[in-house]
PDB file of N, CA and C in Angstrom:
ATOM      1  N   UNK A   1      19.174   1.709 -26.035  1.00  0.00           N
ATOM      2  CA  UNK A   1      20.060   1.652 -24.890  1.00  0.00           C
ATOM      3  C   UNK A   1      20.766   2.994 -24.745  1.00  0.00           C
ATOM      4  N   UNK A   2      21.035   3.358 -23.500  1.00  0.00           N
ATOM      5  CA  UNK A   2      21.686   4.637 -23.227  1.00  0.00           C
ATOM      6  C   UNK A   2      23.133   4.626 -23.715  1.00  0.00           C
ATOM      7  N   UNK A   3      23.610   5.796 -24.084  1.00  0.00           N
ATOM      8  CA  UNK A   3      24.969   5.905 -24.605  1.00  0.00           C
ATOM      9  C   UNK A   3      25.927   6.574 -23.637  1.00  0.00           C
ATOM     10  N   UNK A   4      25.477   7.612 -22.955  1.00  0.00           N
ATOM     11  CA  UNK A   4      26.384   8.368 -22.094  1.00  0.00           C
ATOM     12  C   UNK A   4      26.476   7.746 -20.713  1.00  0.00           C
ATOM     13  N   UNK A   5      27.547   8.087 -20.006  1.00  0.00           N
ATOM     14  CA  UNK A   5      27.736   7.554 -18.649  1.00  0.00           C
ATOM     15  C   UNK A   5      26.605   8.001 -17.732  1.00  0.00           C
ATOM     16  N   UNK A   6      26.180   9.241 -17.876  1.00  0.00           N
ATOM     17  CA  UNK A   6      25.119   9.752 -16.998  1.00  0.00           C
ATOM     18  C   UNK A   6      23.791   9.032 -17.278  1.00  0.00           C
ATOM     19  N   UNK A   7      23.543   8.733 -18.553  1.00  0.00           N
ATOM     20  CA  UNK A   7      22.312   8.020 -18.900  1.00  0.00           C
ATOM     21  C   UNK A   7      22.340   6.588 -18.366  1.00  0.00           C
ATOM     22  N   UNK A   8      23.516   5.964 -18.401  1.00  0.00           N
ATOM     23  CA  UNK A   8      23.648   4.618 -17.848  1.00  0.00           C
ATOM     24  C   UNK A   8      23.410   4.621 -16.340  1.00  0.00           C
ATOM     25  N   UNK A   9      23.937   5.643 -15.679  1.00  0.00           N
ATOM     26  CA  UNK A   9      23.729   5.761 -14.236  1.00  0.00           C
ATOM     27  C   UNK A   9      22.241   5.974 -13.929  1.00  0.00           C
ATOM     28  N   UNK A  10      21.578   6.783 -14.756  1.00  0.00           N
ATOM     29  CA  UNK A  10      20.144   7.020 -14.556  1.00  0.00           C
ATOM     30  C   UNK A  10      19.365   5.708 -14.711  1.00  0.00           C
ATOM     31  N   UNK A  11      19.769   4.870 -15.649  1.00  0.00           N
ATOM     32  CA  UNK A  11      19.119   3.568 -15.808  1.00  0.00           C
ATOM     33  C   UNK A  11      19.268   2.725 -14.550  1.00  0.00           C
ATOM     34  N   UNK A  12      20.478   2.705 -14.008  1.00  0.00           N
ATOM     35  CA  UNK A  12      20.721   1.910 -12.794  1.00  0.00           C
ATOM     36  C   UNK A  12      19.917   2.448 -11.623  1.00  0.00           C
ATOM     37  N   UNK A  13      19.938   3.746 -11.430  1.00  0.00           N
ATOM     38  CA  UNK A  13      19.234   4.313 -10.278  1.00  0.00           C
ATOM     39  C   UNK A  13      17.725   4.194 -10.453  1.00  0.00           C
ATOM     40  N   UNK A  14      17.246   4.328 -11.673  1.00  0.00           N
ATOM     41  CA  UNK A  14      15.810   4.171 -11.927  1.00  0.00           C
ATOM     42  C   UNK A  14      15.358   2.754 -11.623  1.00  0.00           C
ATOM     43  N   UNK A  15      16.183   1.785 -11.989  1.00  0.00           N
ATOM     44  CA  UNK A  15      15.855   0.381 -11.726  1.00  0.00           C
ATOM     45  C   UNK A  15      15.782   0.130 -10.220  1.00  0.00           C
ATOM     46  N   UNK A  16      16.741   0.676  -9.479  1.00  0.00           N
ATOM     47  CA  UNK A  16      16.735   0.515  -8.011  1.00  0.00           C
ATOM     48  C   UNK A  16      15.478   1.137  -7.411  1.00  0.00           C
ATOM     49  N   UNK A  17      15.147   2.357  -7.842  1.00  0.00           N
ATOM     50  CA  UNK A  17      13.952   3.036  -7.324  1.00  0.00           C
ATOM     51  C   UNK A  17      12.694   2.266  -7.674  1.00  0.00           C
ATOM     52  N   UNK A  18      12.613   1.759  -8.903  1.00  0.00           N
ATOM     53  CA  UNK A  18      11.428   1.026  -9.338  1.00  0.00           C
ATOM     54  C   UNK A  18      11.217  -0.216  -8.468  1.00  0.00           C
ATOM     55  N   UNK A  19      12.289  -0.943  -8.193  1.00  0.00           N
ATOM     56  CA  UNK A  19      12.179  -2.136  -7.349  1.00  0.00           C
ATOM     57  C   UNK A  19      11.725  -1.768  -5.941  1.00  0.00           C
ATOM     58  N   UNK A  20      12.283  -0.721  -5.383  1.00  0.00           N
ATOM     59  CA  UNK A  20      11.908  -0.283  -4.039  1.00  0.00           C
ATOM     60  C   UNK A  20      10.445   0.160  -4.015  1.00  0.00           C
ATOM     61  N   UNK A  21      10.042   0.911  -5.026  1.00  0.00           N
ATOM     62  CA  UNK A  21       8.653   1.379  -5.085  1.00  0.00           C
ATOM     63  C   UNK A  21       7.693   0.205  -5.207  1.00  0.00           C
ATOM     64  N   UNK A  22       8.058  -0.793  -6.009  1.00  0.00           N
ATOM     65  CA  UNK A  22       7.209  -1.978  -6.167  1.00  0.00           C
ATOM     66  C   UNK A  22       7.013  -2.683  -4.838  1.00  0.00           C
ATOM     67  N   UNK A  23       8.061  -2.726  -4.037  1.00  0.00           N
ATOM     68  CA  UNK A  23       7.991  -3.397  -2.747  1.00  0.00           C
ATOM     69  C   UNK A  23       6.964  -2.711  -1.841  1.00  0.00           C
ATOM     70  N   UNK A  24       7.023  -1.389  -1.733  1.00  0.00           N
ATOM     71  CA  UNK A  24       6.084  -0.659  -0.878  1.00  0.00           C
ATOM     72  C   UNK A  24       4.654  -0.752  -1.414  1.00  0.00           C
ATOM     73  N   UNK A  25       4.506  -0.600  -2.726  1.00  0.00           N
ATOM     74  CA  UNK A  25       3.173  -0.643  -3.333  1.00  0.00           C
ATOM     75  C   UNK A  25       2.555  -2.025  -3.169  1.00  0.00           C
ATOM     76  N   UNK A  26       3.360  -3.051  -3.390  1.00  0.00           N
ATOM     77  CA  UNK A  26       2.875  -4.421  -3.272  1.00  0.00           C
ATOM     78  C   UNK A  26       2.478  -4.742  -1.839  1.00  0.00           C
ATOM     79  N   UNK A  27       3.274  -4.303  -0.883  1.00  0.00           N
ATOM     80  CA  UNK A  27       2.962  -4.558   0.527  1.00  0.00           C
ATOM     81  C   UNK A  27       1.637  -3.919   0.904  1.00  0.00           C
ATOM     82  N   UNK A  28       1.416  -2.692   0.474  1.00  0.00           N
ATOM     83  CA  UNK A  28       0.166  -2.004   0.796  1.00  0.00           C
ATOM     84  C   UNK A  28      -1.018  -2.746   0.175  1.00  0.00           C
ATOM     85  N   UNK A  29      -0.890  -3.123  -1.087  1.00  0.00           N
ATOM     86  CA  UNK A  29      -1.986  -3.827  -1.756  1.00  0.00           C
ATOM     87  C   UNK A  29      -2.288  -5.157  -1.088  1.00  0.00           C
ATOM     88  N   UNK A  30      -1.242  -5.898  -0.726  1.00  0.00           N
ATOM     89  CA  UNK A  30      -1.412  -7.205  -0.103  1.00  0.00           C
ATOM     90  C   UNK A  30      -2.138  -7.069   1.227  1.00  0.00           C
ATOM     91  N   UNK A  31      -1.741  -6.098   2.031  1.00  0.00           N
ATOM     92  CA  UNK A  31      -2.365  -5.933   3.344  1.00  0.00           C
ATOM     93  C   UNK A  31      -3.815  -5.491   3.222  1.00  0.00           C
ATOM     94  N   UNK A  32      -4.112  -4.626   2.259  1.00  0.00           N
ATOM     95  CA  UNK A  32      -5.505  -4.206   2.051  1.00  0.00           C
ATOM     96  C   UNK A  32      -6.342  -5.406   1.630  1.00  0.00           C
ATOM     97  N   UNK A  33      -5.790  -6.233   0.762  1.00  0.00           N
ATOM     98  CA  UNK A  33      -6.503  -7.418   0.298  1.00  0.00           C
ATOM     99  C   UNK A  33      -6.753  -8.392   1.451  1.00  0.00           C
ATOM    100  N   UNK A  34      -5.728  -8.623   2.288  1.00  0.00           N
ATOM    101  CA  UNK A  34      -5.884  -9.512   3.434  1.00  0.00           C
ATOM    102  C   UNK A  34      -6.946  -8.988   4.384  1.00  0.00           C
ATOM    103  N   UNK A  35      -6.929  -7.687   4.622  1.00  0.00           N
ATOM    104  CA  UNK A  35      -7.900  -7.078   5.532  1.00  0.00           C
ATOM    105  C   UNK A  35      -9.316  -7.263   4.994  1.00  0.00           C
ATOM    106  N   UNK A  36      -9.508  -7.022   3.710  1.00  0.00           N
ATOM    107  CA  UNK A  36     -10.845  -7.180   3.124  1.00  0.00           C
ATOM    108  C   UNK A  36     -11.325  -8.617   3.227  1.00  0.00           C
ATOM    109  N   UNK A  37     -10.428  -9.576   2.976  1.00  0.00           N
ATOM    110  CA  UNK A  37     -10.825 -10.983   3.068  1.00  0.00           C
ATOM    111  C   UNK A  37     -11.218 -11.347   4.490  1.00  0.00           C
ATOM    112  N   UNK A  38     -10.455 -10.880   5.476  1.00  0.00           N
ATOM    113  CA  UNK A  38     -10.784 -11.164   6.876  1.00  0.00           C
ATOM    114  C   UNK A  38     -12.108 -10.516   7.271  1.00  0.00           C
ATOM    115  N   UNK A  39     -12.354  -9.308   6.775  1.00  0.00           N
ATOM    116  CA  UNK A  39     -13.617  -8.621   7.078  1.00  0.00           C
ATOM    117  C   UNK A  39     -14.779  -9.395   6.474  1.00  0.00           C
ATOM    118  N   UNK A  40     -14.624  -9.843   5.222  1.00  0.00           N
ATOM    119  CA  UNK A  40     -15.695 -10.594   4.566  1.00  0.00           C
ATOM    120  C   UNK A  40     -15.967 -11.919   5.269  1.00  0.00           C
ATOM    121  N   UNK A  41     -14.904 -12.541   5.827  1.00  0.00           N
ATOM    122  CA  UNK A  41     -15.074 -13.804   6.537  1.00  0.00           C
ATOM    123  C   UNK A  41     -15.627 -13.601   7.942  1.00  0.00           C
ATOM    124  N   UNK A  42     -15.651 -12.358   8.409  1.00  0.00           N
ATOM    125  CA  UNK A  42     -16.188 -12.070   9.729  1.00  0.00           C
ATOM    126  C   UNK A  42     -15.178 -12.208  10.857  1.00  0.00           C
ATOM    127  N   UNK A  43     -13.909 -12.343  10.542  1.00  0.00           N
ATOM    128  CA  UNK A  43     -12.870 -12.459  11.565  1.00  0.00           C
ATOM    129  C   UNK A  43     -12.383 -11.055  11.935  1.00  0.00           C
ATOM    130  N   UNK A  44     -13.211 -10.353  12.693  1.00  0.00           N
ATOM    131  CA  UNK A  44     -12.954  -8.936  12.941  1.00  0.00           C
ATOM    132  C   UNK A  44     -11.770  -8.697  13.867  1.00  0.00           C
ATOM    133  N   UNK A  45     -11.491  -9.620  14.791  1.00  0.00           N
ATOM    134  CA  UNK A  45     -10.338  -9.438  15.677  1.00  0.00           C
ATOM    135  C   UNK A  45      -9.042  -9.487  14.885  1.00  0.00           C
ATOM    136  N   UNK A  46      -8.924 -10.472  14.013  1.00  0.00           N
ATOM    137  CA  UNK A  46      -7.735 -10.572  13.170  1.00  0.00           C
ATOM    138  C   UNK A  46      -7.697  -9.428  12.161  1.00  0.00           C
ATOM    139  N   UNK A  47      -8.864  -9.043  11.660  1.00  0.00           N
ATOM    140  CA  UNK A  47      -8.936  -7.977  10.661  1.00  0.00           C
ATOM    141  C   UNK A  47      -8.481  -6.645  11.247  1.00  0.00           C
ATOM    142  N   UNK A  48      -8.760  -6.432  12.511  1.00  0.00           N
ATOM    143  CA  UNK A  48      -8.390  -5.150  13.126  1.00  0.00           C
ATOM    144  C   UNK A  48      -6.882  -4.917  13.060  1.00  0.00           C
ATOM    145  N   UNK A  49      -6.106  -5.940  13.368  1.00  0.00           N
ATOM    146  CA  UNK A  49      -4.643  -5.824  13.321  1.00  0.00           C
ATOM    147  C   UNK A  49      -4.159  -5.631  11.883  1.00  0.00           C
ATOM    148  N   UNK A  50      -4.732  -6.364  10.947  1.00  0.00           N
ATOM    149  CA  UNK A  50      -4.305  -6.246   9.549  1.00  0.00           C
ATOM    150  C   UNK A  50      -4.711  -4.891   8.981  1.00  0.00           C
ATOM    151  N   UNK A  51      -5.867  -4.375   9.391  1.00  0.00           N
ATOM    152  CA  UNK A  51      -6.292  -3.041   8.947  1.00  0.00           C
ATOM    153  C   UNK A  51      -5.290  -2.000   9.433  1.00  0.00           C
ATOM    154  N   UNK A  52      -4.852  -2.144  10.670  1.00  0.00           N
ATOM    155  CA  UNK A  52      -3.863  -1.217  11.226  1.00  0.00           C
ATOM    156  C   UNK A  52      -2.568  -1.270  10.413  1.00  0.00           C
ATOM    157  N   UNK A  53      -2.136  -2.465  10.057  1.00  0.00           N
ATOM    158  CA  UNK A  53      -0.913  -2.619   9.254  1.00  0.00           C
ATOM    159  C   UNK A  53      -1.098  -2.041   7.855  1.00  0.00           C
ATOM    160  N   UNK A  54      -2.284  -2.242   7.278  1.00  0.00           N
ATOM    161  CA  UNK A  54      -2.554  -1.724   5.933  1.00  0.00           C
ATOM    162  C   UNK A  54      -2.537  -0.205   5.921  1.00  0.00           C
ATOM    163  N   UNK A  55      -3.132   0.402   6.932  1.00  0.00           N
ATOM    164  CA  UNK A  55      -3.142   1.866   7.016  1.00  0.00           C
ATOM    165  C   UNK A  55      -1.714   2.380   7.137  1.00  0.00           C
ATOM    166  N   UNK A  56      -0.908   1.714   7.933  1.00  0.00           N
ATOM    167  CA  UNK A  56       0.493   2.104   8.093  1.00  0.00           C
ATOM    168  C   UNK A  56       1.248   1.981   6.765  1.00  0.00           C
ATOM    169  N   UNK A  57       1.026   0.882   6.061  1.00  0.00           N
ATOM    170  CA  UNK A  57       1.709   0.665   4.779  1.00  0.00           C
ATOM    171  C   UNK A  57       1.294   1.721   3.757  1.00  0.00           C
ATOM    172  N   UNK A  58       0.015   2.070   3.740  1.00  0.00           N
ATOM    173  CA  UNK A  58      -0.457   3.106   2.815  1.00  0.00           C
ATOM    174  C   UNK A  58       0.154   4.463   3.163  1.00  0.00           C
ATOM    175  N   UNK A  59       0.229   4.764   4.460  1.00  0.00           N
ATOM    176  CA  UNK A  59       0.843   6.024   4.887  1.00  0.00           C
ATOM    177  C   UNK A  59       2.309   6.091   4.474  1.00  0.00           C
ATOM    178  N   UNK A  60       3.035   4.983   4.644  1.00  0.00           N
ATOM    179  CA  UNK A  60       4.454   4.963   4.276  1.00  0.00           C
ATOM    180  C   UNK A  60       4.627   5.152   2.777  1.00  0.00           C
ATOM    181  N   UNK A  61       3.778   4.491   1.995  1.00  0.00           N
ATOM    182  CA  UNK A  61       3.869   4.624   0.538  1.00  0.00           C
ATOM    183  C   UNK A  61       3.587   6.067   0.117  1.00  0.00           C
ATOM    184  N   UNK A  62       2.605   6.689   0.753  1.00  0.00           N
ATOM    185  CA  UNK A  62       2.274   8.076   0.412  1.00  0.00           C
ATOM    186  C   UNK A  62       3.383   9.016   0.859  1.00  0.00           C
ATOM    187  N   UNK A  63       3.944   8.759   2.018  1.00  0.00           N
ATOM    188  CA  UNK A  63       5.012   9.604   2.555  1.00  0.00           C
ATOM    189  C   UNK A  63       6.229   9.584   1.640  1.00  0.00           C
ATOM    190  N   UNK A  64       6.513   8.433   1.040  1.00  0.00           N
ATOM    191  CA  UNK A  64       7.672   8.296   0.164  1.00  0.00           C
ATOM    192  C   UNK A  64       7.371   8.711  -1.274  1.00  0.00           C
ATOM    193  N   UNK A  65       6.114   9.108  -1.546  1.00  0.00           N
ATOM    194  CA  UNK A  65       5.764   9.571  -2.883  1.00  0.00           C
ATOM    195  C   UNK A  65       5.497   8.452  -3.861  1.00  0.00           C
ATOM    196  N   UNK A  66       5.326   7.237  -3.356  1.00  0.00           N
ATOM    197  CA  UNK A  66       5.093   6.096  -4.237  1.00  0.00           C
ATOM    198  C   UNK A  66       3.664   6.113  -4.741  1.00  0.00           C
ATOM    199  N   UNK A  67       2.739   6.468  -3.847  1.00  0.00           N
ATOM    200  CA  UNK A  67       1.363   6.745  -4.269  1.00  0.00           C
ATOM    201  C   UNK A  67       1.009   8.142  -3.774  1.00  0.00           C
ATOM    202  N   UNK A  68       0.054   8.760  -4.410  1.00  0.00           N
ATOM    203  CA  UNK A  68      -0.346  10.110  -4.029  1.00  0.00           C
ATOM    204  C   UNK A  68      -1.029  10.084  -2.673  1.00  0.00           C
ATOM    205  N   UNK A  69      -0.877  11.153  -1.901  1.00  0.00           N
ATOM    206  CA  UNK A  69      -1.442  11.170  -0.548  1.00  0.00           C
ATOM    207  C   UNK A  69      -2.964  11.053  -0.573  1.00  0.00           C
ATOM    208  N   UNK A  70      -3.605  11.616  -1.579  1.00  0.00           N
ATOM    209  CA  UNK A  70      -5.064  11.497  -1.666  1.00  0.00           C
ATOM    210  C   UNK A  70      -5.479  10.077  -2.033  1.00  0.00           C
ATOM    211  N   UNK A  71      -4.664   9.403  -2.826  1.00  0.00           N
ATOM    212  CA  UNK A  71      -4.908   8.000  -3.166  1.00  0.00           C
ATOM    213  C   UNK A  71      -4.848   7.158  -1.894  1.00  0.00           C
ATOM    214  N   UNK A  72      -3.842   7.399  -1.067  1.00  0.00           N
ATOM    215  CA  UNK A  72      -3.721   6.667   0.197  1.00  0.00           C
ATOM    216  C   UNK A  72      -4.905   6.979   1.109  1.00  0.00           C
ATOM    217  N   UNK A  73      -5.290   8.231   1.169  1.00  0.00           N
ATOM    218  CA  UNK A  73      -6.410   8.627   2.023  1.00  0.00           C
ATOM    219  C   UNK A  73      -7.706   7.955   1.558  1.00  0.00           C
ATOM    220  N   UNK A  74      -7.902   7.897   0.257  1.00  0.00           N
ATOM    221  CA  UNK A  74      -9.106   7.263  -0.278  1.00  0.00           C
ATOM    222  C   UNK A  74      -9.137   5.780   0.060  1.00  0.00           C
ATOM    223  N   UNK A  75      -8.013   5.100  -0.116  1.00  0.00           N
ATOM    224  CA  UNK A  75      -7.957   3.667   0.181  1.00  0.00           C
ATOM    225  C   UNK A  75      -8.163   3.402   1.665  1.00  0.00           C
ATOM    226  N   UNK A  76      -7.564   4.225   2.516  1.00  0.00           N
ATOM    227  CA  UNK A  76      -7.736   4.059   3.962  1.00  0.00           C
ATOM    228  C   UNK A  76      -9.192   4.294   4.347  1.00  0.00           C
ATOM    229  N   UNK A  77      -9.803   5.299   3.746  1.00  0.00           N
ATOM    230  CA  UNK A  77     -11.198   5.615   4.047  1.00  0.00           C
ATOM    231  C   UNK A  77     -12.115   4.456   3.675  1.00  0.00           C
ATOM    232  N   UNK A  78     -11.913   3.890   2.500  1.00  0.00           N
ATOM    233  CA  UNK A  78     -12.729   2.757   2.060  1.00  0.00           C
ATOM    234  C   UNK A  78     -12.536   1.555   2.971  1.00  0.00           C
ATOM    235  N   UNK A  79     -11.274   1.283   3.319  1.00  0.00           N
ATOM    236  CA  UNK A  79     -10.974   0.144   4.172  1.00  0.00           C
ATOM    237  C   UNK A  79     -11.625   0.310   5.542  1.00  0.00           C
ATOM    238  N   UNK A  80     -11.521   1.487   6.123  1.00  0.00           N
ATOM    239  CA  UNK A  80     -12.124   1.721   7.437  1.00  0.00           C
ATOM    240  C   UNK A  80     -13.653   1.667   7.352  1.00  0.00           C
ATOM    241  N   UNK A  81     -14.210   2.117   6.239  1.00  0.00           N
ATOM    242  CA  UNK A  81     -15.666   2.055   6.074  1.00  0.00           C
ATOM    243  C   UNK A  81     -16.126   0.603   6.038  1.00  0.00           C
ATOM    244  N   UNK A  82     -15.418  -0.263   5.282  1.00  0.00           N
ATOM    245  CA  UNK A  82     -15.774  -1.686   5.246  1.00  0.00           C
ATOM    246  C   UNK A  82     -15.671  -2.301   6.636  1.00  0.00           C
ATOM    247  N   UNK A  83     -14.576  -1.966   7.333  1.00  0.00           N
ATOM    248  CA  UNK A  83     -14.345  -2.534   8.658  1.00  0.00           C
ATOM    249  C   UNK A  83     -15.432  -2.092   9.630  1.00  0.00           C
ATOM    250  N   UNK A  84     -15.737  -0.812   9.648  1.00  0.00           N
ATOM    251  CA  UNK A  84     -16.735  -0.290  10.588  1.00  0.00           C
ATOM    252  C   UNK A  84     -18.137  -0.796  10.274  1.00  0.00           C
ATOM    253  N   UNK A  85     -18.460  -0.968   8.993  1.00  0.00           N
ATOM    254  CA  UNK A  85     -19.765  -1.534   8.636  1.00  0.00           C
ATOM    255  C   UNK A  85     -19.871  -2.969   9.098  1.00  0.00           C
ATOM    256  N   UNK A  86     -18.820  -3.734   8.952  1.00  0.00           N
ATOM    257  CA  UNK A  86     -18.836  -5.135   9.377  1.00  0.00           C
ATOM    258  C   UNK A  86     -18.943  -5.215  10.900  1.00  0.00           C
ATOM    259  N   UNK A  87     -18.288  -4.320  11.587  1.00  0.00           N
ATOM    260  CA  UNK A  87     -18.303  -4.320  13.052  1.00  0.00           C
ATOM    261  C   UNK A  87     -19.692  -3.942  13.583  1.00  0.00           C
ATOM    262  N   UNK A  88     -20.409  -3.057  12.878  1.00  0.00           N
ATOM    263  CA  UNK A  88     -21.706  -2.609  13.360  1.00  0.00           C
ATOM    264  C   UNK A  88     -22.812  -3.638  13.137  1.00  0.00           C
ATOM    265  N   UNK A  89     -22.539  -4.680  12.339  1.00  0.00           N
ATOM    266  CA  UNK A  89     -23.570  -5.695  12.078  1.00  0.00           C
ATOM    267  C   UNK A  89     -23.736  -6.655  13.216  1.00  0.00           C
TER     268      UNK A  89
END
């Protein structure tokens, strides 16, 4: 356990940041998962809206430094590739 006042404050602020980061990361993962499930089920109209939300969530997470920008770009690229392949069938 921390001893100094500054270390205690760092613990509190780190906990707040961790919770906030978890929220953004979890939202992005959930939306990507929903989009993939809709694409696999063939519900492309519903999937299009969820894909848009997932891309937005990934961009926000990358913008805030929660995930690396290249990580977000890779996930968006894969998601759009799945969506476009399903649409072309």
